[in-house]
Amino acid sequence: MFLLRLFLTWPAIFLAFTALAPVAGAQTRADITVYAAASLKEGLDELTGRFEKQGQGKVRVSYGASSALARQIEKGAPADLFISADLDWMDYLDQRKLIRPGSRVNLLSNRLALIAPADSKVVLAIAPKFPLAAALGDGRLAMADPDSVPAGKYGKAALEALGVWHEVAPKVARAENVRAALALVARGEAPFGIVYRTDTVAERKVRAIGEFSVKLHPPIVYPAALLADGRSKTTAALLDFLRSAEARAVWRKFGFVVEG
C-alpha cells in the first residue's frame, strides 16, 4: 500500500519540483558579477546599489588591480562584466576572444595626483627634475606596482618623462593596487604616493600636492566590456545604466571624467 501511495504521489512531487526549477534558474541568471578596477569602488558601489533597486538583479563586484582581474578572467573566473583601468588589459582579453564582440566601450577617464598625508605641510611643484627623491629622504613613494598595475605604469611613465624615475625607483613601495598605495599614505606609512585624482576624493586622510600633466603618460581610460562567457541576461542593461545620464552625474561627483 505504501508503494502504491508513493507511486501515485510521485508525479505531483515531480511537477512541483520542475515548476520551481525555472524560478531558481532565473534568479541565478539575473545576478551579475563585475570585475572592476579598485579605483572605481565608491562610484560603482553607489551605482550598482541604484541598479539593484530597479529590480534587475543582484550585482556582485570584485575589485582589484586590472592586471590581476584580467588574468583571473583568462583562467575562467565566472564574471559577466569587466571594467579595466587601462586599455592594455582590455586588449589582452580582447585578443584572447574573452570579451563579447561589439560590447566594448570607453567609460571614463582620470588623472594622476601626487599625494601626501592630510596633515603634511610639504610643498612640492611637479616639474622636470623636481626634487622628489630628496623630499622622500628615507621614506618611500607609495605606488601601485609599476610593472603591471595601470596606476603604477602611468606613474612610472610620468616620472620618466620628468627625468626623476631613476632616482626615485629604489624608494618605491610597490602596492598590489592603487587603493593599497593610497592606504599607505593615509596611514602615514609613506610620505608621498602617486594615485588617481579620484582616490583623493575618496580618502580624507590624504591631500593632493599636485596633478601630473596628461601629456606625461598614456591616456588614463577605463574601458568596459561584457565577457564572452558571461551568463547573466541583465549585464547589458547594467552597462547601459553605467553610461546613463544618472550615472554620469555620479561618476563626476567622484572626480571622474565621463567619456563619450
C-alpha atoms as a PDB file:
ATOM      1  CA  MET A   1       0.000   0.000   0.000  1.00  0.00           C
ATOM      2  CA  PHE A   2       2.908   2.368   0.872  1.00  0.00           C
ATOM      3  CA  LEU A   3       4.487   1.771  -2.526  1.00  0.00           C
ATOM      4  CA  LEU A   4       1.168   2.466  -4.255  1.00  0.00           C
ATOM      5  CA  ARG A   5       0.761   5.790  -2.416  1.00  0.00           C
ATOM      6  CA  LEU A   6       4.349   6.743  -3.292  1.00  0.00           C
ATOM      7  CA  PHE A   7       3.740   5.849  -6.942  1.00  0.00           C
ATOM      8  CA  LEU A   8       0.592   7.957  -7.056  1.00  0.00           C
ATOM      9  CA  THR A   9       2.230  10.896  -5.235  1.00  0.00           C
ATOM     10  CA  TRP A  10       5.491  10.977  -7.235  1.00  0.00           C
ATOM     11  CA  PRO A  11       4.088  12.784 -10.343  1.00  0.00           C
ATOM     12  CA  ALA A  12       2.855  15.606  -8.119  1.00  0.00           C
ATOM     13  CA  ILE A  13       6.244  15.880  -6.428  1.00  0.00           C
ATOM     14  CA  PHE A  14       8.000  15.872  -9.800  1.00  0.00           C
ATOM     15  CA  LEU A  15       5.701  18.565 -11.214  1.00  0.00           C
ATOM     16  CA  ALA A  16       6.208  20.757  -8.143  1.00  0.00           C
ATOM     17  CA  PHE A  17       9.979  20.437  -8.441  1.00  0.00           C
ATOM     18  CA  THR A  18      10.053  21.282 -12.133  1.00  0.00           C
ATOM     19  CA  ALA A  19       7.770  24.250 -11.556  1.00  0.00           C
ATOM     20  CA  LEU A  20      10.210  25.665  -9.008  1.00  0.00           C
ATOM     21  CA  ALA A  21      13.380  24.953 -11.000  1.00  0.00           C
ATOM     22  CA  PRO A  22      12.943  27.690 -13.634  1.00  0.00           C
ATOM     23  CA  VAL A  23      12.424  30.273 -10.893  1.00  0.00           C
ATOM     24  CA  ALA A  24      15.711  29.375  -9.216  1.00  0.00           C
ATOM     25  CA  GLY A  25      17.461  29.399 -12.592  1.00  0.00           C
ATOM     26  CA  ALA A  26      16.053  32.832 -13.412  1.00  0.00           C
ATOM     27  CA  GLN A  27      17.375  34.211 -10.133  1.00  0.00           C
ATOM     28  CA  THR A  28      20.830  32.881 -10.908  1.00  0.00           C
ATOM     29  CA  ARG A  29      20.812  34.351 -14.399  1.00  0.00           C
ATOM     30  CA  ALA A  30      19.728  37.732 -13.022  1.00  0.00           C
ATOM     31  CA  ASP A  31      22.765  38.009 -10.746  1.00  0.00           C
ATOM     32  CA  ILE A  32      25.671  39.932 -12.263  1.00  0.00           C
ATOM     33  CA  THR A  33      29.337  39.535 -11.342  1.00  0.00           C
ATOM     34  CA  VAL A  34      31.519  42.528 -12.155  1.00  0.00           C
ATOM     35  CA  TYR A  35      35.310  42.604 -12.102  1.00  0.00           C
ATOM     36  CA  ALA A  36      36.386  46.226 -11.745  1.00  0.00           C
ATOM     37  CA  ALA A  37      39.483  48.334 -11.151  1.00  0.00           C
ATOM     38  CA  ALA A  38      39.936  49.192  -7.475  1.00  0.00           C
ATOM     39  CA  SER A  39      39.804  52.935  -8.126  1.00  0.00           C
ATOM     40  CA  LEU A  40      36.143  52.653  -9.171  1.00  0.00           C
ATOM     41  CA  LYS A  41      34.857  51.440  -5.807  1.00  0.00           C
ATOM     42  CA  GLU A  42      32.912  54.394  -4.384  1.00  0.00           C
ATOM     43  CA  GLY A  43      31.228  55.408  -7.614  1.00  0.00           C
ATOM     44  CA  LEU A  44      30.499  51.864  -8.750  1.00  0.00           C
ATOM     45  CA  ASP A  45      29.166  50.833  -5.342  1.00  0.00           C
ATOM     46  CA  GLU A  46      26.688  53.692  -5.437  1.00  0.00           C
ATOM     47  CA  LEU A  47      25.605  52.955  -8.982  1.00  0.00           C
ATOM     48  CA  THR A  48      25.200  49.206  -8.573  1.00  0.00           C
ATOM     49  CA  GLY A  49      23.111  49.908  -5.478  1.00  0.00           C
ATOM     50  CA  ARG A  50      20.816  52.111  -7.537  1.00  0.00           C
ATOM     51  CA  PHE A  51      20.638  49.476 -10.277  1.00  0.00           C
ATOM     52  CA  GLU A  52      19.618  46.792  -7.780  1.00  0.00           C
ATOM     53  CA  LYS A  53      16.790  48.993  -6.520  1.00  0.00           C
ATOM     54  CA  GLN A  54      15.377  48.915 -10.047  1.00  0.00           C
ATOM     55  CA  GLY A  55      14.765  45.190  -9.531  1.00  0.00           C
ATOM     56  CA  GLN A  56      17.065  43.959 -12.299  1.00  0.00           C
ATOM     57  CA  GLY A  57      19.071  41.579 -10.148  1.00  0.00           C
ATOM     58  CA  LYS A  58      21.824  41.498  -7.569  1.00  0.00           C
ATOM     59  CA  VAL A  59      25.258  42.825  -8.538  1.00  0.00           C
ATOM     60  CA  ARG A  60      28.428  41.430  -7.020  1.00  0.00           C
ATOM     61  CA  VAL A  61      31.612  43.421  -7.599  1.00  0.00           C
ATOM     62  CA  SER A  62      35.154  42.135  -7.196  1.00  0.00           C
ATOM     63  CA  TYR A  63      37.684  44.989  -7.022  1.00  0.00           C
ATOM     64  CA  GLY A  64      41.403  44.728  -7.658  1.00  0.00           C
ATOM     65  CA  ALA A  65      44.259  45.592  -9.969  1.00  0.00           C
ATOM     66  CA  SER A  66      43.161  45.385 -13.612  1.00  0.00           C
ATOM     67  CA  SER A  67      46.115  43.115 -14.353  1.00  0.00           C
ATOM     68  CA  ALA A  68      45.146  40.594 -11.659  1.00  0.00           C
ATOM     69  CA  LEU A  69      41.471  40.670 -12.628  1.00  0.00           C
ATOM     70  CA  ALA A  70      42.227  40.140 -16.322  1.00  0.00           C
ATOM     71  CA  ARG A  71      44.387  37.121 -15.535  1.00  0.00           C
ATOM     72  CA  GLN A  72      41.651  35.682 -13.320  1.00  0.00           C
ATOM     73  CA  ILE A  73      39.167  36.076 -16.168  1.00  0.00           C
ATOM     74  CA  GLU A  74      41.627  34.381 -18.520  1.00  0.00           C
ATOM     75  CA  LYS A  75      41.763  31.440 -16.116  1.00  0.00           C
ATOM     76  CA  GLY A  76      37.994  31.083 -16.166  1.00  0.00           C
ATOM     77  CA  ALA A  77      36.755  33.258 -13.298  1.00  0.00           C
ATOM     78  CA  PRO A  78      32.941  33.496 -13.534  1.00  0.00           C
ATOM     79  CA  ALA A  79      32.497  37.179 -14.392  1.00  0.00           C
ATOM     80  CA  ASP A  80      29.953  38.944 -16.588  1.00  0.00           C
ATOM     81  CA  LEU A  81      31.406  42.461 -16.928  1.00  0.00           C
ATOM     82  CA  PHE A  82      34.973  43.769 -16.809  1.00  0.00           C
ATOM     83  CA  ILE A  83      35.900  47.408 -16.225  1.00  0.00           C
ATOM     84  CA  SER A  84      39.627  47.981 -16.578  1.00  0.00           C
ATOM     85  CA  ALA A  85      41.727  50.971 -15.546  1.00  0.00           C
ATOM     86  CA  ASP A  86      43.610  50.929 -18.823  1.00  0.00           C
ATOM     87  CA  LEU A  87      43.254  49.874 -22.413  1.00  0.00           C
ATOM     88  CA  ASP A  88      46.067  47.321 -22.427  1.00  0.00           C
ATOM     89  CA  TRP A  89      44.393  44.806 -20.124  1.00  0.00           C
ATOM     90  CA  MET A  90      41.140  45.036 -22.041  1.00  0.00           C
ATOM     91  CA  ASP A  91      43.140  44.483 -25.228  1.00  0.00           C
ATOM     92  CA  TYR A  92      44.688  41.460 -23.511  1.00  0.00           C
ATOM     93  CA  LEU A  93      41.262  39.858 -23.072  1.00  0.00           C
ATOM     94  CA  ASP A  94      40.052  41.004 -26.468  1.00  0.00           C
ATOM     95  CA  GLN A  95      42.990  39.344 -28.204  1.00  0.00           C
ATOM     96  CA  ARG A  96      42.066  36.095 -26.460  1.00  0.00           C
ATOM     97  CA  LYS A  97      38.431  36.441 -27.561  1.00  0.00           C
ATOM     98  CA  LEU A  98      37.251  36.652 -23.965  1.00  0.00           C
ATOM     99  CA  ILE A  99      35.021  39.718 -24.383  1.00  0.00           C
ATOM    100  CA  ARG A 100      31.739  39.854 -26.266  1.00  0.00           C
ATOM    101  CA  PRO A 101      32.196  41.382 -29.754  1.00  0.00           C
ATOM    102  CA  GLY A 102      30.721  44.842 -30.111  1.00  0.00           C
ATOM    103  CA  SER A 103      30.198  45.386 -26.375  1.00  0.00           C
ATOM    104  CA  ARG A 104      33.405  47.278 -25.580  1.00  0.00           C
ATOM    105  CA  VAL A 105      33.094  50.966 -24.680  1.00  0.00           C
ATOM    106  CA  ASN A 106      35.340  53.614 -23.142  1.00  0.00           C
ATOM    107  CA  LEU A 107      33.500  54.520 -19.966  1.00  0.00           C
ATOM    108  CA  LEU A 108      35.633  57.029 -18.022  1.00  0.00           C
ATOM    109  CA  SER A 109      38.971  58.782 -17.797  1.00  0.00           C
ATOM    110  CA  ASN A 110      41.098  60.006 -14.899  1.00  0.00           C
ATOM    111  CA  ARG A 111      44.249  61.895 -13.910  1.00  0.00           C
ATOM    112  CA  LEU A 112      47.246  61.170 -11.707  1.00  0.00           C
ATOM    113  CA  ALA A 113      47.965  63.003  -8.465  1.00  0.00           C
ATOM    114  CA  LEU A 114      50.955  63.210  -6.141  1.00  0.00           C
ATOM    115  CA  ILE A 115      49.672  62.896  -2.588  1.00  0.00           C
ATOM    116  CA  ALA A 116      50.847  63.259   0.998  1.00  0.00           C
ATOM    117  CA  PRO A 117      49.154  62.677   4.365  1.00  0.00           C
ATOM    118  CA  ALA A 118      46.478  65.288   5.046  1.00  0.00           C
ATOM    119  CA  ASP A 119      48.483  66.886   7.866  1.00  0.00           C
ATOM    120  CA  SER A 120      51.682  67.176   5.796  1.00  0.00           C
ATOM    121  CA  LYS A 121      52.893  70.746   5.224  1.00  0.00           C
ATOM    122  CA  VAL A 122      55.193  69.865   2.316  1.00  0.00           C
ATOM    123  CA  VAL A 123      55.101  71.996  -0.814  1.00  0.00           C
ATOM    124  CA  LEU A 124      56.445  70.391  -3.981  1.00  0.00           C
ATOM    125  CA  ALA A 125      55.884  71.602  -7.536  1.00  0.00           C
ATOM    126  CA  ILE A 126      55.684  68.879 -10.175  1.00  0.00           C
ATOM    127  CA  ALA A 127      58.129  69.883 -12.902  1.00  0.00           C
ATOM    128  CA  PRO A 128      61.063  68.427 -14.856  1.00  0.00           C
ATOM    129  CA  LYS A 129      63.801  67.256 -12.477  1.00  0.00           C
ATOM    130  CA  PHE A 130      61.742  68.224  -9.417  1.00  0.00           C
ATOM    131  CA  PRO A 131      63.377  67.060  -6.132  1.00  0.00           C
ATOM    132  CA  LEU A 132      61.029  64.201  -5.273  1.00  0.00           C
ATOM    133  CA  ALA A 133      63.820  61.819  -4.243  1.00  0.00           C
ATOM    134  CA  ALA A 134      65.280  64.426  -1.884  1.00  0.00           C
ATOM    135  CA  ALA A 135      61.852  65.146  -0.410  1.00  0.00           C
ATOM    136  CA  LEU A 136      61.371  61.438   0.259  1.00  0.00           C
ATOM    137  CA  GLY A 137      64.566  61.244   2.292  1.00  0.00           C
ATOM    138  CA  ASP A 138      64.497  57.833   3.951  1.00  0.00           C
ATOM    139  CA  GLY A 139      60.784  57.469   3.214  1.00  0.00           C
ATOM    140  CA  ARG A 140      59.069  55.570   0.436  1.00  0.00           C
ATOM    141  CA  LEU A 141      56.935  56.563  -2.531  1.00  0.00           C
ATOM    142  CA  ALA A 142      53.737  54.522  -2.473  1.00  0.00           C
ATOM    143  CA  MET A 143      52.674  53.359  -5.938  1.00  0.00           C
ATOM    144  CA  ALA A 144      50.732  50.523  -7.466  1.00  0.00           C
ATOM    145  CA  ASP A 145      53.203  48.036  -8.935  1.00  0.00           C
ATOM    146  CA  PRO A 146      54.700  49.903 -11.928  1.00  0.00           C
ATOM    147  CA  ASP A 147      55.495  46.661 -13.735  1.00  0.00           C
ATOM    148  CA  SER A 148      51.891  45.540 -14.132  1.00  0.00           C
ATOM    149  CA  VAL A 149      49.211  47.667 -12.456  1.00  0.00           C
ATOM    150  CA  PRO A 150      47.843  50.541 -14.579  1.00  0.00           C
ATOM    151  CA  ALA A 151      48.177  53.292 -11.948  1.00  0.00           C
ATOM    152  CA  GLY A 152      51.787  52.265 -11.352  1.00  0.00           C
ATOM    153  CA  LYS A 153      52.583  52.137 -15.061  1.00  0.00           C
ATOM    154  CA  TYR A 154      51.139  55.616 -15.580  1.00  0.00           C
ATOM    155  CA  GLY A 155      53.080  56.925 -12.580  1.00  0.00           C
ATOM    156  CA  LYS A 156      56.345  55.447 -13.795  1.00  0.00           C
ATOM    157  CA  ALA A 157      55.812  56.914 -17.272  1.00  0.00           C
ATOM    158  CA  ALA A 158      55.173  60.363 -15.784  1.00  0.00           C
ATOM    159  CA  LEU A 159      58.268  60.248 -13.591  1.00  0.00           C
ATOM    160  CA  GLU A 160      60.369  59.040 -16.520  1.00  0.00           C
ATOM    161  CA  ALA A 161      59.106  61.928 -18.637  1.00  0.00           C
ATOM    162  CA  LEU A 162      60.053  64.328 -15.842  1.00  0.00           C
ATOM    163  CA  GLY A 163      63.537  62.801 -15.577  1.00  0.00           C
ATOM    164  CA  VAL A 164      63.275  61.670 -11.946  1.00  0.00           C
ATOM    165  CA  TRP A 165      62.382  57.975 -12.169  1.00  0.00           C
ATOM    166  CA  HIS A 166      65.985  56.747 -11.931  1.00  0.00           C
ATOM    167  CA  GLU A 167      66.451  58.485  -8.573  1.00  0.00           C
ATOM    168  CA  VAL A 168      63.038  57.572  -7.205  1.00  0.00           C
ATOM    169  CA  ALA A 169      62.788  53.916  -8.321  1.00  0.00           C
ATOM    170  CA  PRO A 170      64.807  52.458  -5.386  1.00  0.00           C
ATOM    171  CA  LYS A 171      62.462  54.227  -2.966  1.00  0.00           C
ATOM    172  CA  VAL A 172      59.193  52.934  -4.406  1.00  0.00           C
ATOM    173  CA  ALA A 173      56.883  50.934  -2.147  1.00  0.00           C
ATOM    174  CA  ARG A 174      55.112  48.663  -4.647  1.00  0.00           C
ATOM    175  CA  ALA A 175      51.479  48.024  -3.746  1.00  0.00           C
ATOM    176  CA  GLU A 176      49.168  45.402  -5.259  1.00  0.00           C
ATOM    177  CA  ASN A 177      46.734  48.058  -6.462  1.00  0.00           C
ATOM    178  CA  VAL A 178      46.181  51.808  -6.302  1.00  0.00           C
ATOM    179  CA  ARG A 179      43.977  51.630  -3.203  1.00  0.00           C
ATOM    180  CA  ALA A 180      46.697  49.781  -1.320  1.00  0.00           C
ATOM    181  CA  ALA A 181      49.119  52.581  -2.264  1.00  0.00           C
ATOM    182  CA  LEU A 182      46.556  55.140  -1.103  1.00  0.00           C
ATOM    183  CA  ALA A 183      46.239  53.363   2.245  1.00  0.00           C
ATOM    184  CA  LEU A 184      50.000  53.519   2.850  1.00  0.00           C
ATOM    185  CA  VAL A 185      49.899  57.310   2.626  1.00  0.00           C
ATOM    186  CA  ALA A 186      46.631  57.629   4.562  1.00  0.00           C
ATOM    187  CA  ARG A 187      48.164  55.659   7.452  1.00  0.00           C
ATOM    188  CA  GLY A 188      51.327  57.770   7.388  1.00  0.00           C
ATOM    189  CA  GLU A 189      53.498  54.817   6.379  1.00  0.00           C
ATOM    190  CA  ALA A 190      54.700  56.635   3.250  1.00  0.00           C
ATOM    191  CA  PRO A 191      55.280  60.412   2.989  1.00  0.00           C
ATOM    192  CA  PHE A 192      54.224  60.520  -0.671  1.00  0.00           C
ATOM    193  CA  GLY A 193      52.225  58.476  -3.121  1.00  0.00           C
ATOM    194  CA  ILE A 194      51.019  58.513  -6.701  1.00  0.00           C
ATOM    195  CA  VAL A 195      47.354  57.655  -7.148  1.00  0.00           C
ATOM    196  CA  TYR A 196      44.423  58.720  -9.271  1.00  0.00           C
ATOM    197  CA  ARG A 197      42.828  62.101  -8.699  1.00  0.00           C
ATOM    198  CA  THR A 198      39.600  60.301  -7.806  1.00  0.00           C
ATOM    199  CA  ASP A 199      41.364  58.483  -4.950  1.00  0.00           C
ATOM    200  CA  THR A 200      41.973  61.815  -3.255  1.00  0.00           C
ATOM    201  CA  VAL A 201      38.202  62.397  -3.310  1.00  0.00           C
ATOM    202  CA  ALA A 202      37.603  59.010  -1.676  1.00  0.00           C
ATOM    203  CA  GLU A 203      40.160  59.357   1.151  1.00  0.00           C
ATOM    204  CA  ARG A 204      40.114  62.350   3.501  1.00  0.00           C
ATOM    205  CA  LYS A 205      43.359  61.362   5.210  1.00  0.00           C
ATOM    206  CA  VAL A 206      45.421  62.414   2.189  1.00  0.00           C
ATOM    207  CA  ARG A 207      45.768  65.606   0.208  1.00  0.00           C
ATOM    208  CA  ALA A 208      46.874  66.201  -3.341  1.00  0.00           C
ATOM    209  CA  ILE A 209      50.141  68.114  -3.645  1.00  0.00           C
ATOM    210  CA  GLY A 210      49.658  68.434  -7.369  1.00  0.00           C
ATOM    211  CA  GLU A 211      48.459  66.691 -10.514  1.00  0.00           C
ATOM    212  CA  PHE A 212      50.570  65.346 -13.348  1.00  0.00           C
ATOM    213  CA  SER A 213      50.034  66.709 -16.820  1.00  0.00           C
ATOM    214  CA  VAL A 214      48.150  64.272 -19.040  1.00  0.00           C
ATOM    215  CA  LYS A 215      50.956  64.760 -21.574  1.00  0.00           C
ATOM    216  CA  LEU A 216      53.377  62.878 -19.332  1.00  0.00           C
ATOM    217  CA  HIS A 217      51.790  59.437 -19.626  1.00  0.00           C
ATOM    218  CA  PRO A 218      49.387  57.449 -21.815  1.00  0.00           C
ATOM    219  CA  PRO A 219      45.732  58.470 -21.503  1.00  0.00           C
ATOM    220  CA  ILE A 220      44.040  57.031 -18.410  1.00  0.00           C
ATOM    221  CA  VAL A 221      40.956  55.427 -19.897  1.00  0.00           C
ATOM    222  CA  TYR A 222      38.554  52.939 -18.286  1.00  0.00           C
ATOM    223  CA  PRO A 223      37.141  50.576 -20.934  1.00  0.00           C
ATOM    224  CA  ALA A 224      34.227  48.287 -20.081  1.00  0.00           C
ATOM    225  CA  ALA A 225      33.010  45.179 -21.895  1.00  0.00           C
ATOM    226  CA  LEU A 226      30.687  42.234 -21.487  1.00  0.00           C
ATOM    227  CA  LEU A 227      32.562  38.964 -21.138  1.00  0.00           C
ATOM    228  CA  ALA A 228      32.116  36.233 -23.698  1.00  0.00           C
ATOM    229  CA  ASP A 229      31.345  33.580 -21.080  1.00  0.00           C
ATOM    230  CA  GLY A 230      29.059  35.833 -19.024  1.00  0.00           C
ATOM    231  CA  ARG A 231      25.813  34.139 -18.027  1.00  0.00           C
ATOM    232  CA  SER A 232      23.661  36.973 -16.725  1.00  0.00           C
ATOM    233  CA  LYS A 233      20.953  38.238 -19.069  1.00  0.00           C
ATOM    234  CA  THR A 234      20.909  41.680 -17.445  1.00  0.00           C
ATOM    235  CA  THR A 235      24.587  42.591 -17.791  1.00  0.00           C
ATOM    236  CA  ALA A 236      23.971  44.684 -20.917  1.00  0.00           C
ATOM    237  CA  ALA A 237      21.310  46.605 -19.007  1.00  0.00           C
ATOM    238  CA  LEU A 238      23.835  47.314 -16.233  1.00  0.00           C
ATOM    239  CA  LEU A 239      26.431  48.581 -18.696  1.00  0.00           C
ATOM    240  CA  ASP A 240      23.807  50.813 -20.304  1.00  0.00           C
ATOM    241  CA  PHE A 241      22.906  52.149 -16.854  1.00  0.00           C
ATOM    242  CA  LEU A 242      26.570  52.914 -16.087  1.00  0.00           C
ATOM    243  CA  ARG A 243      26.538  55.162 -19.172  1.00  0.00           C
ATOM    244  CA  SER A 244      23.212  56.846 -18.435  1.00  0.00           C
ATOM    245  CA  ALA A 245      22.667  60.500 -17.519  1.00  0.00           C
ATOM    246  CA  GLU A 246      22.033  59.442 -13.922  1.00  0.00           C
ATOM    247  CA  ALA A 247      25.334  57.555 -13.810  1.00  0.00           C
ATOM    248  CA  ARG A 248      27.283  60.365 -15.436  1.00  0.00           C
ATOM    249  CA  ALA A 249      26.348  62.675 -12.569  1.00  0.00           C
ATOM    250  CA  VAL A 250      27.552  60.115 -10.021  1.00  0.00           C
ATOM    251  CA  TRP A 251      30.848  59.498 -11.818  1.00  0.00           C
ATOM    252  CA  ARG A 252      31.517  63.238 -11.918  1.00  0.00           C
ATOM    253  CA  LYS A 253      30.742  63.530  -8.203  1.00  0.00           C
ATOM    254  CA  PHE A 254      33.614  61.150  -7.534  1.00  0.00           C
ATOM    255  CA  GLY A 255      36.022  63.056  -9.782  1.00  0.00           C
ATOM    256  CA  PHE A 256      35.916  61.034 -12.996  1.00  0.00           C
ATOM    257  CA  VAL A 257      35.704  62.439 -16.483  1.00  0.00           C
ATOM    258  CA  VAL A 258      32.920  60.719 -18.433  1.00  0.00           C
ATOM    259  CA  GLU A 259      33.830  59.521 -21.906  1.00  0.00           C
ATOM    260  CA  GLY A 260      31.549  59.835 -24.919  1.00  0.00           C
END
